[in-house]
Amino acid sequence: MPDVTILVDDDHLAAIDEVAAALQRAGLRLGEVLPAVGAITGSVDDPAVLDGVEGVAAVEQAQEVHLPPPEEDVQ
């Protein structure tokens, strides 16, 4: 299940908790609601289902970063 960050559009920032509730009804497993930055985190089976929720400006899937072990030479 991919982790996602949902950006809330400017018109819905004051209602970010209602957007979070709508996202949960659409299938989001809620992580955190971050009103100061206008974002909501969580995980969902199919991130595409969140695009149609009112108040959603963008849905971004989390990226993984892999770093070499500390004992490896720096390239």
N, C-alpha and C. Protein backbone atom coordinates (compact mmCIF):
# COMPACT_ATOMS: atom_id res chain seq x y z
N MET A 1 0.85 -1.16 0.00
CA MET A 1 0.00 0.00 0.00
C MET A 1 0.91 1.24 0.00
N PRO A 2 0.85 2.03 -1.06
CA PRO A 2 1.74 3.19 -1.16
C PRO A 2 1.40 4.30 -0.17
N ASP A 3 2.45 4.92 0.35
CA ASP A 3 2.29 6.12 1.18
C ASP A 3 2.10 7.31 0.25
N VAL A 4 1.22 8.23 0.63
CA VAL A 4 0.94 9.39 -0.20
C VAL A 4 0.90 10.65 0.66
N THR A 5 1.15 11.78 -0.02
CA THR A 5 0.95 13.10 0.57
C THR A 5 -0.06 13.80 -0.31
N ILE A 6 -1.11 14.31 0.29
CA ILE A 6 -2.17 15.02 -0.43
C ILE A 6 -2.04 16.49 -0.12
N LEU A 7 -1.98 17.31 -1.16
CA LEU A 7 -1.94 18.75 -0.99
C LEU A 7 -3.36 19.28 -1.13
N VAL A 8 -3.79 20.09 -0.17
CA VAL A 8 -5.14 20.63 -0.15
C VAL A 8 -5.14 21.97 -0.88
N ASP A 9 -6.16 22.19 -1.73
CA ASP A 9 -6.19 23.46 -2.47
C ASP A 9 -6.51 24.62 -1.53
N ASP A 10 -6.13 25.82 -1.97
CA ASP A 10 -6.25 27.02 -1.13
C ASP A 10 -7.68 27.28 -0.65
N ASP A 11 -8.66 26.96 -1.48
CA ASP A 11 -10.06 27.22 -1.12
C ASP A 11 -10.56 26.31 0.00
N HIS A 12 -9.85 25.22 0.28
CA HIS A 12 -10.31 24.25 1.28
C HIS A 12 -9.40 24.16 2.50
N LEU A 13 -8.41 25.05 2.61
CA LEU A 13 -7.49 24.98 3.75
C LEU A 13 -8.20 25.12 5.09
N ALA A 14 -9.20 25.98 5.15
CA ALA A 14 -9.94 26.17 6.41
C ALA A 14 -10.77 24.93 6.76
N ALA A 15 -11.03 24.09 5.79
CA ALA A 15 -11.84 22.88 6.01
C ALA A 15 -10.98 21.62 5.83
N ILE A 16 -9.71 21.68 6.21
CA ILE A 16 -8.80 20.56 5.97
C ILE A 16 -9.25 19.28 6.69
N ASP A 17 -9.88 19.41 7.85
CA ASP A 17 -10.37 18.21 8.55
C ASP A 17 -11.50 17.54 7.77
N GLU A 18 -12.35 18.34 7.13
CA GLU A 18 -13.43 17.77 6.31
C GLU A 18 -12.86 17.09 5.06
N VAL A 19 -11.80 17.68 4.49
CA VAL A 19 -11.13 17.05 3.34
C VAL A 19 -10.52 15.72 3.78
N ALA A 20 -9.90 15.70 4.96
CA ALA A 20 -9.32 14.46 5.49
C ALA A 20 -10.39 13.38 5.67
N ALA A 21 -11.55 13.77 6.17
CA ALA A 21 -12.64 12.81 6.36
C ALA A 21 -13.12 12.26 5.02
N ALA A 22 -13.22 13.13 4.01
CA ALA A 22 -13.63 12.69 2.67
C ALA A 22 -12.60 11.75 2.06
N LEU A 23 -11.33 12.03 2.30
CA LEU A 23 -10.27 11.14 1.80
C LEU A 23 -10.34 9.77 2.47
N GLN A 24 -10.66 9.75 3.75
CA GLN A 24 -10.81 8.47 4.45
C GLN A 24 -11.98 7.68 3.86
N ARG A 25 -13.09 8.36 3.56
CA ARG A 25 -14.23 7.67 2.95
C ARG A 25 -13.87 7.11 1.57
N ALA A 26 -12.90 7.76 0.90
CA ALA A 26 -12.46 7.31 -0.42
C ALA A 26 -11.44 6.18 -0.33
N GLY A 27 -10.98 5.86 0.89
CA GLY A 27 -10.06 4.73 1.06
C GLY A 27 -8.71 5.05 1.66
N LEU A 28 -8.46 6.31 2.02
CA LEU A 28 -7.18 6.67 2.62
C LEU A 28 -7.10 6.16 4.05
N ARG A 29 -5.98 5.55 4.37
CA ARG A 29 -5.67 5.25 5.77
C ARG A 29 -4.89 6.45 6.27
N LEU A 30 -5.55 7.25 7.06
CA LEU A 30 -5.03 8.55 7.47
C LEU A 30 -3.77 8.43 8.31
N GLY A 31 -2.78 9.25 7.96
CA GLY A 31 -1.55 9.35 8.74
C GLY A 31 -1.63 10.58 9.61
N GLU A 32 -1.37 11.74 9.00
CA GLU A 32 -1.40 13.01 9.73
C GLU A 32 -2.10 14.08 8.91
N VAL A 33 -2.73 15.01 9.61
CA VAL A 33 -3.29 16.21 8.99
C VAL A 33 -2.37 17.35 9.41
N LEU A 34 -1.82 18.07 8.41
CA LEU A 34 -0.84 19.12 8.66
C LEU A 34 -1.40 20.46 8.18
N PRO A 35 -2.26 21.10 8.98
CA PRO A 35 -2.91 22.33 8.54
C PRO A 35 -1.93 23.48 8.25
N ALA A 36 -0.81 23.53 8.95
CA ALA A 36 0.15 24.62 8.74
C ALA A 36 0.74 24.62 7.33
N VAL A 37 0.82 23.45 6.72
CA VAL A 37 1.37 23.36 5.37
C VAL A 37 0.33 22.95 4.33
N GLY A 38 -0.90 22.72 4.78
CA GLY A 38 -1.97 22.36 3.85
C GLY A 38 -1.81 20.98 3.24
N ALA A 39 -1.36 20.02 4.05
CA ALA A 39 -1.11 18.68 3.55
C ALA A 39 -1.72 17.63 4.47
N ILE A 40 -1.98 16.47 3.88
CA ILE A 40 -2.50 15.31 4.60
C ILE A 40 -1.67 14.12 4.16
N THR A 41 -1.26 13.27 5.10
CA THR A 41 -0.48 12.09 4.75
C THR A 41 -1.28 10.84 5.07
N GLY A 42 -0.90 9.74 4.44
CA GLY A 42 -1.54 8.47 4.70
C GLY A 42 -1.10 7.44 3.68
N SER A 43 -1.86 6.37 3.59
CA SER A 43 -1.60 5.33 2.60
C SER A 43 -2.93 4.87 2.00
N VAL A 44 -2.84 4.38 0.77
CA VAL A 44 -4.04 3.99 0.04
C VAL A 44 -3.67 2.94 -0.99
N ASP A 45 -4.60 2.02 -1.27
CA ASP A 45 -4.34 0.98 -2.26
C ASP A 45 -4.13 1.57 -3.65
N ASP A 46 -4.99 2.50 -4.05
CA ASP A 46 -4.93 3.11 -5.39
C ASP A 46 -4.98 4.62 -5.26
N PRO A 47 -3.81 5.29 -5.33
CA PRO A 47 -3.78 6.74 -5.16
C PRO A 47 -4.68 7.50 -6.13
N ALA A 48 -4.99 6.95 -7.28
CA ALA A 48 -5.82 7.63 -8.28
C ALA A 48 -7.22 7.91 -7.77
N VAL A 49 -7.74 7.12 -6.81
CA VAL A 49 -9.10 7.34 -6.32
C VAL A 49 -9.22 8.62 -5.51
N LEU A 50 -8.08 9.18 -5.07
CA LEU A 50 -8.11 10.38 -4.24
C LEU A 50 -8.17 11.66 -5.07
N ASP A 51 -7.83 11.57 -6.35
CA ASP A 51 -7.81 12.75 -7.22
C ASP A 51 -9.16 13.44 -7.32
N GLY A 52 -10.24 12.69 -7.25
CA GLY A 52 -11.57 13.26 -7.43
C GLY A 52 -12.20 13.83 -6.17
N VAL A 53 -11.52 13.73 -5.05
CA VAL A 53 -12.07 14.23 -3.78
C VAL A 53 -12.00 15.75 -3.78
N GLU A 54 -13.12 16.38 -3.42
CA GLU A 54 -13.18 17.84 -3.38
C GLU A 54 -12.16 18.39 -2.39
N GLY A 55 -11.41 19.39 -2.83
CA GLY A 55 -10.41 20.02 -1.99
C GLY A 55 -9.00 19.52 -2.23
N VAL A 56 -8.86 18.48 -3.05
CA VAL A 56 -7.54 17.92 -3.33
C VAL A 56 -6.90 18.66 -4.50
N ALA A 57 -5.72 19.24 -4.26
CA ALA A 57 -4.98 19.91 -5.33
C ALA A 57 -4.03 18.94 -6.03
N ALA A 58 -3.43 18.02 -5.26
CA ALA A 58 -2.48 17.06 -5.83
C ALA A 58 -2.31 15.88 -4.89
N VAL A 59 -2.01 14.73 -5.47
CA VAL A 59 -1.69 13.52 -4.72
C VAL A 59 -0.31 13.08 -5.17
N GLU A 60 0.62 13.00 -4.23
CA GLU A 60 1.98 12.61 -4.56
C GLU A 60 2.35 11.35 -3.80
N GLN A 61 2.84 10.36 -4.55
CA GLN A 61 3.26 9.12 -3.93
C GLN A 61 4.66 9.30 -3.34
N ALA A 62 4.86 8.76 -2.15
CA ALA A 62 6.15 8.88 -1.46
C ALA A 62 7.23 8.18 -2.27
N GLN A 63 8.40 8.78 -2.27
CA GLN A 63 9.56 8.21 -2.96
C GLN A 63 10.50 7.61 -1.93
N GLU A 64 11.15 6.52 -2.32
CA GLU A 64 12.14 5.91 -1.44
C GLU A 64 13.53 6.35 -1.87
N VAL A 65 14.37 6.61 -0.89
CA VAL A 65 15.76 6.97 -1.15
C VAL A 65 16.63 5.89 -0.52
N HIS A 66 17.55 5.36 -1.30
CA HIS A 66 18.47 4.33 -0.80
C HIS A 66 19.88 4.90 -0.80
N LEU A 67 20.48 4.90 0.36
CA LEU A 67 21.85 5.38 0.51
C LEU A 67 22.78 4.19 0.74
N PRO A 68 24.00 4.30 0.25
CA PRO A 68 24.94 3.21 0.50
C PRO A 68 25.31 3.16 1.98
N PRO A 69 25.75 1.99 2.45
CA PRO A 69 26.17 1.89 3.85
C PRO A 69 27.35 2.83 4.13
N PRO A 70 27.52 3.24 5.38
CA PRO A 70 28.58 4.18 5.73
C PRO A 70 29.99 3.71 5.35
N GLU A 71 30.19 2.42 5.31
CA GLU A 71 31.53 1.92 5.00
C GLU A 71 31.84 1.90 3.50
N GLU A 72 30.87 2.20 2.66
CA GLU A 72 31.08 2.25 1.21
C GLU A 72 31.83 3.53 0.82
N ASP A 73 32.59 3.44 -0.27
CA ASP A 73 33.26 4.62 -0.80
C ASP A 73 32.22 5.57 -1.38
N VAL A 74 32.46 6.87 -1.20
CA VAL A 74 31.58 7.88 -1.76
C VAL A 74 31.90 8.01 -3.23
N GLN A 75 30.87 8.08 -4.05
CA GLN A 75 31.12 8.18 -5.49
C GLN A 75 31.00 9.61 -5.95
